[in-house]
Amino acid sequence: MGVLFLVSALVIGGLLAVQASANLQLNRVVGTPYGASTLQLGIAAVLLAAVAGVAGGWGALAGVADVAPWKLLGGVASPIYIASAILLFPRLGALASAGLFVAGQVLASLVLDIGGLLGVEQRSFNAGMALGALAVLGGIAMVIRSQLAGTSSQASSARAGWIALGLLAGAVLPVQGAINAALRVELDDAFAVGMVSFTVATATIAVVLVLLLALRRTPRPRLNSLNTVPWWGWLGGAAAATYVTLTFLLIPRIGAATTIALTVTGQQLTAAAIDHYGLFRLPPRPVTVARLAGLASLGAGCALVQLA
């Protein structure tokens, strides 16, 4: 049974890379990342509402009225992450984008742990954390340098903003996890927390979409073309809901550090396969020795930070 939990953690990590690829395909049809994100997050919210209903989690929602407002804001991170992935995958590739997400995730986790922020148990900074952080930074630098090899200095400079966005998108995930963990203490039901999180996420991105449409900063979603989306283009919402649900279930059984280390590994391996073989209609980007070395350094650094 323990092996099943470990394999499950690897698989749900891979779902993050699949989610981003599926969302990108939906975005190509809808014509706006904000519209695509609204659809996928809405699907995730409906799925989790159904799961919560079957599992008897609806009753826990009665406690939402007594929860501090900040504990309901974890879902805001989801549209940031999803929209960023839609924007970054075609520009930087699946592996480089996922590497940036992981780097931001690990560094933000360090800040939360060392500072004891948002209810996270405080940890003392040690040599293992320092070495892990350096390995993460070195690994993502190797991946990005390999990715940008042969491009002009002007093009490389233009990508600095996309790199910063990738780090930010990764950094919001542990913040979301900490906030949702605090909410779970209040509601005492993982499925209810997931439902609240994705409901907030859907509402957030929907408001952003409406505002951008009013300001004419994004195209109107092409909903009449949704029948052309391949079946796997709808997997983003299901992947997100599965990731959130299984993460809540795995952490008490195999520990937070092991869960995070394995999900990151699964995410990176899946992203490497997507890049190398050009899966999900993405352009092939062969995985070179330099990129593999960067990937290994990134994974080792993540393990050091989580297990130090």
Protein backbone atom coordinates (compact mmCIF):
# COMPACT_ATOMS: atom_id res chain seq x y z
CA MET A 1 0.00 0.00 0.00
CA GLY A 2 2.92 2.35 0.75
CA VAL A 3 4.26 1.88 -2.78
CA LEU A 4 0.84 2.82 -4.18
CA PHE A 5 0.93 6.13 -2.27
CA LEU A 6 4.44 6.90 -3.56
CA VAL A 7 3.49 6.13 -7.16
CA SER A 8 0.33 8.23 -6.77
CA ALA A 9 2.44 11.22 -5.73
CA LEU A 10 4.57 10.85 -8.87
CA VAL A 11 1.46 10.58 -11.07
CA ILE A 12 -0.30 13.65 -9.67
CA GLY A 13 2.91 15.64 -10.16
CA GLY A 14 2.79 14.66 -13.82
CA LEU A 15 -0.82 15.89 -13.94
CA LEU A 16 0.43 19.46 -13.41
CA ALA A 17 2.36 19.30 -16.69
CA VAL A 18 -0.58 17.63 -18.46
CA GLN A 19 -2.91 20.29 -17.06
CA ALA A 20 -0.81 23.10 -18.50
CA SER A 21 -0.63 21.43 -21.93
CA ALA A 22 -4.38 20.78 -22.03
CA ASN A 23 -5.14 24.35 -20.99
CA LEU A 24 -2.90 25.64 -23.77
CA GLN A 25 -4.91 23.70 -26.36
CA LEU A 26 -8.19 25.06 -24.97
CA ASN A 27 -6.70 28.55 -25.07
CA ARG A 28 -5.90 28.17 -28.78
CA VAL A 29 -9.56 27.46 -29.47
CA VAL A 30 -11.09 30.01 -27.08
CA GLY A 31 -8.65 32.74 -28.09
CA THR A 32 -7.90 34.16 -24.64
CA PRO A 33 -6.02 32.59 -21.70
CA TYR A 34 -8.44 34.20 -19.27
CA GLY A 35 -11.44 32.59 -20.92
CA ALA A 36 -9.70 29.20 -21.07
CA SER A 37 -8.70 29.48 -17.40
CA THR A 38 -12.28 30.36 -16.41
CA LEU A 39 -13.61 27.28 -18.18
CA GLN A 40 -11.06 24.87 -16.72
CA LEU A 41 -11.32 26.23 -13.18
CA GLY A 42 -15.10 26.09 -13.42
CA ILE A 43 -14.88 22.43 -14.43
CA ALA A 44 -12.59 21.74 -11.45
CA ALA A 45 -15.00 23.52 -9.08
CA VAL A 46 -17.97 21.47 -10.34
CA LEU A 47 -16.03 18.20 -10.07
CA LEU A 48 -14.91 18.95 -6.51
CA ALA A 49 -18.44 20.02 -5.56
CA ALA A 50 -19.68 16.64 -6.79
CA VAL A 51 -16.95 14.77 -4.90
CA ALA A 52 -17.66 16.78 -1.74
CA GLY A 53 -21.35 15.94 -2.07
CA VAL A 54 -20.70 12.21 -2.44
CA ALA A 55 -18.19 12.23 0.45
CA GLY A 56 -20.53 14.18 2.72
CA GLY A 57 -18.40 17.31 2.76
CA TRP A 58 -21.17 19.81 2.07
CA GLY A 59 -22.03 20.04 5.74
CA ALA A 60 -18.56 21.41 6.49
CA LEU A 61 -19.34 24.48 4.38
CA ALA A 62 -21.51 25.80 7.20
CA GLY A 63 -18.30 26.77 8.98
CA VAL A 64 -17.15 29.09 6.17
CA ALA A 65 -19.04 32.04 7.68
CA ASP A 66 -16.86 31.91 10.79
CA VAL A 67 -13.52 31.64 8.95
CA ALA A 68 -11.09 34.58 8.77
CA PRO A 69 -11.33 36.08 5.24
CA TRP A 70 -7.66 35.48 4.36
CA LYS A 71 -8.15 31.73 4.80
CA LEU A 72 -10.57 31.76 1.87
CA LEU A 73 -8.10 33.33 -0.58
CA GLY A 74 -6.00 30.27 -1.43
CA GLY A 75 -7.90 29.83 -4.68
CA VAL A 76 -6.55 33.13 -6.03
CA ALA A 77 -3.27 31.33 -6.76
CA SER A 78 -4.86 28.89 -9.23
CA PRO A 79 -5.72 31.39 -12.00
CA ILE A 80 -2.26 32.95 -11.65
CA TYR A 81 -0.62 29.56 -12.14
CA ILE A 82 -2.91 28.37 -14.94
CA ALA A 83 -2.82 31.60 -16.97
CA SER A 84 0.97 31.78 -16.56
CA ALA A 85 1.38 28.22 -17.83
CA ILE A 86 -0.75 28.99 -20.89
CA LEU A 87 1.45 32.00 -21.65
CA LEU A 88 4.80 30.35 -20.89
CA PHE A 89 4.59 26.87 -22.46
CA PRO A 90 4.68 28.05 -26.10
CA ARG A 91 7.41 30.60 -25.32
CA LEU A 92 9.81 28.69 -23.08
CA GLY A 93 8.78 25.07 -23.54
CA ALA A 94 7.24 22.63 -21.07
CA LEU A 95 10.48 21.67 -19.29
CA ALA A 96 11.81 25.21 -18.80
CA SER A 97 8.38 26.47 -17.68
CA ALA A 98 7.93 23.61 -15.23
CA GLY A 99 11.47 24.20 -13.97
CA LEU A 100 10.65 27.82 -13.23
CA PHE A 101 7.48 26.78 -11.42
CA VAL A 102 9.47 24.35 -9.28
CA ALA A 103 12.18 26.92 -8.52
CA GLY A 104 9.59 29.48 -7.44
CA GLN A 105 7.77 26.81 -5.44
CA VAL A 106 10.90 25.72 -3.54
CA LEU A 107 12.13 29.25 -2.82
CA ALA A 108 8.70 30.38 -1.59
CA SER A 109 8.46 27.26 0.58
CA LEU A 110 11.78 28.23 2.16
CA VAL A 111 10.47 31.70 2.99
CA LEU A 112 7.30 30.26 4.53
CA ASP A 113 9.21 27.66 6.54
CA ILE A 114 11.96 29.93 7.83
CA GLY A 115 9.55 32.75 8.65
CA GLY A 116 6.81 30.52 10.03
CA LEU A 117 4.32 32.45 7.90
CA LEU A 118 0.61 31.75 7.30
CA GLY A 119 0.47 29.14 10.04
CA VAL A 120 3.36 27.07 8.65
CA GLU A 121 5.50 25.45 11.34
CA GLN A 122 8.75 27.41 11.59
CA ARG A 123 11.98 25.63 10.66
CA SER A 124 15.52 26.74 11.40
CA PHE A 125 17.61 27.57 8.35
CA ASN A 126 20.39 24.99 7.91
CA ALA A 127 23.14 23.95 5.53
CA GLY A 128 20.89 21.44 3.75
CA MET A 129 18.38 24.16 2.91
CA ALA A 130 21.14 26.47 1.68
CA LEU A 131 22.67 23.78 -0.55
CA GLY A 132 19.24 22.82 -1.82
CA ALA A 133 18.36 26.40 -2.72
CA LEU A 134 21.68 26.81 -4.56
CA ALA A 135 21.12 23.54 -6.44
CA VAL A 136 17.62 24.68 -7.46
CA LEU A 137 18.93 28.02 -8.74
CA GLY A 138 21.82 26.34 -10.54
CA GLY A 139 19.53 23.74 -12.09
CA ILE A 140 17.01 26.22 -13.45
CA ALA A 141 19.86 28.40 -14.75
CA MET A 142 21.23 25.40 -16.69
CA VAL A 143 17.80 24.58 -18.14
CA ILE A 144 17.10 28.18 -19.16
CA ARG A 145 20.60 28.71 -20.62
CA SER A 146 20.25 25.55 -22.69
CA GLN A 147 16.77 26.65 -23.77
CA LEU A 148 18.01 30.08 -24.90
CA ALA A 149 21.17 28.83 -26.61
CA GLY A 150 21.42 30.29 -30.10
CA THR A 151 18.92 33.10 -29.53
CA SER A 152 19.87 36.75 -29.88
CA SER A 153 20.67 38.84 -26.81
CA GLN A 154 17.62 40.98 -27.55
CA ALA A 155 15.36 37.91 -27.59
CA SER A 156 16.95 36.63 -24.39
CA SER A 157 16.37 39.96 -22.66
CA ALA A 158 12.75 39.96 -23.79
CA ARG A 159 12.28 36.60 -22.07
CA ALA A 160 13.44 37.92 -18.70
CA GLY A 161 9.88 39.02 -17.94
CA TRP A 162 8.51 35.57 -18.82
CA ILE A 163 11.13 33.97 -16.55
CA ALA A 164 10.05 36.25 -13.69
CA LEU A 165 6.41 35.31 -14.34
CA GLY A 166 7.30 31.62 -14.15
CA LEU A 167 9.02 32.07 -10.79
CA LEU A 168 6.04 34.05 -9.47
CA ALA A 169 3.55 31.45 -10.70
CA GLY A 170 5.48 28.73 -8.91
CA ALA A 171 5.81 30.80 -5.74
CA VAL A 172 2.05 31.18 -5.31
CA LEU A 173 1.52 27.41 -5.04
CA PRO A 174 3.05 26.89 -1.57
CA VAL A 175 1.27 30.05 -0.41
CA GLN A 176 -1.96 28.50 -1.64
CA GLY A 177 -1.11 25.27 0.13
CA ALA A 178 -0.46 27.05 3.42
CA ILE A 179 -3.71 29.00 3.21
CA ASN A 180 -5.73 25.91 2.29
CA ALA A 181 -4.10 23.99 5.15
CA ALA A 182 -5.25 26.70 7.55
CA LEU A 183 -8.75 26.47 6.06
CA ARG A 184 -8.76 22.70 6.48
CA VAL A 185 -8.12 23.13 10.20
CA GLU A 186 -11.29 25.23 10.35
CA LEU A 187 -13.52 23.06 8.14
CA ASP A 188 -11.97 19.65 8.88
CA ASP A 189 -12.83 18.34 5.41
CA ALA A 190 -10.37 18.16 2.50
CA PHE A 191 -13.04 18.03 -0.21
CA ALA A 192 -14.87 21.05 1.18
CA VAL A 193 -11.57 22.97 1.18
CA GLY A 194 -10.93 21.99 -2.44
CA MET A 195 -14.43 23.09 -3.43
CA VAL A 196 -14.03 26.46 -1.70
CA SER A 197 -10.57 26.95 -3.22
CA PHE A 198 -11.68 26.32 -6.79
CA THR A 199 -14.90 28.29 -6.40
CA VAL A 200 -12.83 31.30 -5.33
CA ALA A 201 -10.41 30.62 -8.19
CA THR A 202 -13.21 30.53 -10.77
CA ALA A 203 -14.80 33.71 -9.43
CA THR A 204 -11.44 35.49 -9.43
CA ILE A 205 -10.51 34.70 -13.02
CA ALA A 206 -14.09 35.39 -14.18
CA VAL A 207 -13.92 38.89 -12.68
CA VAL A 208 -10.53 39.45 -14.34
CA LEU A 209 -11.96 38.29 -17.68
CA VAL A 210 -14.94 40.66 -17.41
CA LEU A 211 -12.70 43.61 -16.51
CA LEU A 212 -10.29 42.91 -19.38
CA LEU A 213 -13.19 42.57 -21.81
CA ALA A 214 -14.60 45.89 -20.60
CA LEU A 215 -11.19 47.52 -21.09
CA ARG A 216 -10.75 45.75 -24.46
CA ARG A 217 -7.47 44.21 -23.33
CA THR A 218 -8.38 40.65 -24.32
CA PRO A 219 -10.42 39.12 -27.17
CA ARG A 220 -13.95 37.92 -26.56
CA PRO A 221 -13.89 34.12 -25.93
CA ARG A 222 -14.80 32.08 -29.02
CA LEU A 223 -17.28 29.75 -27.34
CA ASN A 224 -18.85 28.67 -30.63
CA SER A 225 -15.62 26.77 -31.46
CA LEU A 226 -15.55 24.62 -28.33
CA ASN A 227 -16.69 21.56 -30.28
CA THR A 228 -13.29 21.55 -32.03
CA VAL A 229 -11.37 21.04 -28.77
CA PRO A 230 -9.85 17.51 -28.65
CA TRP A 231 -10.99 15.35 -25.75
CA TRP A 232 -7.70 15.78 -23.91
CA GLY A 233 -8.05 19.57 -24.13
CA TRP A 234 -10.69 19.32 -21.39
CA LEU A 235 -8.43 17.46 -18.96
CA GLY A 236 -7.04 20.59 -17.29
CA GLY A 237 -9.89 21.00 -14.84
CA ALA A 238 -9.99 17.30 -13.96
CA ALA A 239 -6.20 17.25 -13.53
CA ALA A 240 -6.33 20.25 -11.20
CA ALA A 241 -9.15 18.77 -9.10
CA THR A 242 -7.36 15.40 -8.88
CA TYR A 243 -4.07 17.05 -7.88
CA VAL A 244 -5.67 19.06 -5.07
CA THR A 245 -7.73 16.14 -3.75
CA LEU A 246 -4.96 13.54 -3.77
CA THR A 247 -2.42 15.96 -2.30
CA PHE A 248 -4.68 16.45 0.71
CA LEU A 249 -5.02 12.67 1.07
CA LEU A 250 -1.34 11.79 0.56
CA ILE A 251 0.30 14.28 2.92
CA PRO A 252 -1.07 12.65 6.12
CA ARG A 253 0.05 9.21 4.87
CA ILE A 254 3.56 9.73 3.43
CA GLY A 255 4.40 13.19 4.79
CA ALA A 256 4.51 16.65 3.24
CA ALA A 257 8.23 16.53 2.35
CA THR A 258 7.96 13.21 0.51
CA THR A 259 4.76 14.27 -1.25
CA ILE A 260 6.28 17.52 -2.52
CA ALA A 261 9.55 15.89 -3.60
CA LEU A 262 7.73 13.17 -5.56
CA THR A 263 5.17 15.49 -7.16
CA VAL A 264 7.97 17.79 -8.32
CA THR A 265 9.81 14.79 -9.78
CA GLY A 266 6.69 13.63 -11.59
CA GLN A 267 6.08 17.14 -12.91
CA GLN A 268 9.61 17.45 -14.28
CA LEU A 269 9.71 13.98 -15.87
CA THR A 270 6.35 14.52 -17.58
CA ALA A 271 7.36 18.00 -18.79
CA ALA A 272 10.58 16.55 -20.21
CA ALA A 273 8.62 13.89 -22.12
CA ILE A 274 6.14 16.48 -23.44
CA ASP A 275 9.00 18.67 -24.64
CA HIS A 276 11.10 15.89 -26.14
CA TYR A 277 8.31 14.18 -28.09
CA GLY A 278 6.21 17.26 -28.84
CA LEU A 279 3.13 15.85 -27.12
CA PHE A 280 -0.20 17.69 -26.93
CA ARG A 281 0.57 19.47 -30.22
CA LEU A 282 3.52 21.37 -28.74
CA PRO A 283 6.66 21.84 -30.87
CA PRO A 284 9.34 19.21 -30.08
CA ARG A 285 12.26 20.50 -28.00
CA PRO A 286 14.85 17.69 -27.68
CA VAL A 287 16.06 17.12 -24.13
CA THR A 288 19.82 17.72 -24.27
CA VAL A 289 22.48 16.59 -21.81
CA ALA A 290 22.66 20.13 -20.39
CA ARG A 291 18.91 20.21 -19.80
CA LEU A 292 19.01 16.78 -18.16
CA ALA A 293 21.83 17.95 -15.88
CA GLY A 294 19.80 21.01 -14.94
CA LEU A 295 16.76 18.82 -14.31
CA ALA A 296 18.80 16.54 -12.03
CA SER A 297 20.19 19.52 -10.10
CA LEU A 298 16.69 20.95 -9.74
CA GLY A 299 15.32 17.67 -8.41
CA ALA A 300 18.22 17.17 -6.01
CA GLY A 301 17.87 20.71 -4.71
CA CYS A 302 14.16 20.26 -4.12
CA ALA A 303 14.79 17.05 -2.18
CA LEU A 304 17.47 18.74 -0.06
CA VAL A 305 15.19 21.65 0.82
CA GLN A 306 12.22 19.44 1.69
CA LEU A 307 14.12 16.77 3.61
CA ALA A 308 16.76 18.94 5.33
